[in-house]
Protein backbone atom coordinates (compact mmCIF):
# COMPACT_ATOMS: atom_id res chain seq x y z
CA SER A 1 106.72 102.62 117.49
CA GLN A 2 104.16 104.89 118.94
CA ILE A 3 105.32 106.39 122.20
CA TYR A 4 103.26 108.75 124.28
CA ARG A 5 105.02 111.86 125.54
CA LEU A 6 103.59 114.25 128.12
CA TYR A 7 104.42 117.89 127.43
CA THR A 8 102.86 120.48 129.72
CA ASN A 9 99.69 118.43 130.27
CA ILE A 10 99.36 117.49 126.57
CA LEU A 11 99.72 113.84 125.61
CA LEU A 12 101.38 113.40 122.20
CA LEU A 13 101.67 110.25 120.10
CA VAL A 14 105.21 109.90 118.75
CA THR A 15 106.51 107.55 116.05
CA SER A 16 110.21 106.83 116.55
CA ALA A 17 112.77 105.15 114.32
CA PHE A 18 116.47 104.69 113.89
CA LEU A 19 117.90 105.51 110.47
CA LEU A 20 121.07 103.70 109.40
CA VAL A 21 122.94 105.74 106.80
CA ASN A 22 125.78 105.00 104.38
CA VAL A 23 127.70 107.95 102.94
CA GLU A 24 130.54 108.52 100.51
CA PHE A 25 133.90 108.62 102.29
CA PRO A 26 135.07 111.05 103.75
CA PHE A 27 131.85 113.08 103.92
CA GLU A 28 130.38 111.84 107.23
CA ASP A 29 130.74 115.26 108.92
CA ASP A 30 128.99 117.09 106.07
CA VAL A 31 126.07 114.66 106.08
CA MET A 32 125.82 114.69 109.89
CA ALA A 33 125.57 118.49 109.84
CA LYS A 34 122.75 118.35 107.29
CA LEU A 35 120.91 115.70 109.30
CA ARG A 36 121.21 117.78 112.48
CA ASP A 37 119.46 120.65 110.66
CA ILE A 38 116.31 118.52 110.30
CA PRO A 39 114.11 119.19 113.37
CA GLU A 40 112.58 115.70 113.40
CA ILE A 41 116.02 114.14 113.89
CA VAL A 42 116.69 114.15 117.61
CA ASP A 43 120.09 112.36 117.73
CA VAL A 44 122.88 111.73 115.22
CA TYR A 45 125.89 109.46 115.77
CA ARG A 46 128.91 108.48 113.66
CA VAL A 47 129.45 104.73 113.96
CA GLN A 48 131.92 102.15 112.72
CA GLY A 49 130.94 99.02 110.89
CA MET A 50 128.45 98.34 108.12
CA TYR A 51 126.88 101.84 108.43
CA ASP A 52 128.47 105.26 108.81
CA ILE A 53 125.78 107.20 110.69
CA ILE A 54 122.81 106.36 112.93
CA ALA A 55 120.09 108.97 113.43
CA LYS A 56 117.04 108.84 115.70
CA ILE A 57 113.86 110.30 114.23
CA GLU A 58 110.65 111.28 116.05
CA LEU A 59 107.47 112.23 114.17
CA ASP A 60 103.69 112.23 114.56
CA ASN A 61 103.06 109.14 112.42
CA GLU A 62 104.58 106.56 110.08
CA GLU A 63 103.38 108.32 106.93
CA LYS A 64 105.35 111.46 107.85
CA LEU A 65 108.37 109.27 108.60
CA LYS A 66 108.23 107.67 105.15
CA GLU A 67 107.88 111.08 103.54
CA LEU A 68 110.80 112.55 105.53
CA VAL A 69 113.13 109.70 104.62
CA SER A 70 112.20 109.46 100.94
CA GLU A 71 111.66 113.13 100.14
CA ARG A 72 114.32 114.85 102.25
CA ILE A 73 116.92 112.57 103.79
CA ARG A 74 117.65 110.31 100.80
CA LYS A 75 118.10 113.41 98.65
CA ILE A 76 120.98 114.72 100.79
CA GLU A 77 124.13 114.81 98.70
CA ARG A 78 126.67 112.06 99.53
CA ILE A 79 124.14 109.68 101.10
CA THR A 80 124.45 106.36 99.26
CA GLY A 81 121.84 104.34 101.15
CA THR A 82 119.55 104.18 104.18
CA VAL A 83 117.75 101.58 106.28
CA THR A 84 114.86 102.61 108.53
CA ILE A 85 114.19 100.63 111.72
CA MET A 86 110.93 101.41 113.50
CA ILE A 87 111.18 101.30 117.29
CA ALA A 88 108.60 98.80 118.59
CA GLN A 89 108.87 99.83 122.25
CA GLY A 90 110.53 102.73 124.06
CA LYS A 91 112.63 102.58 127.21
CA VAL A 92 111.16 100.39 129.90
């Protein structure tokens, strides 16, 4: 999604997405630490169920999001798969 954020009188266009991540067991903590080191990732959660981790990403545009996921995140050791879900609308 494209969400507008107001920072000190500057309006920014933000593309947000949730990233669902599968990792090799028991390496969730290692992967979460590496994800938290990426500035574009604003939240990281360990979850139970089909996926192991959910991360929220905020970037300038969709092209940068695709590049971040394919070139950096999917190359993190112990990640076995990802699904990216674009946010269509922010909080109402």
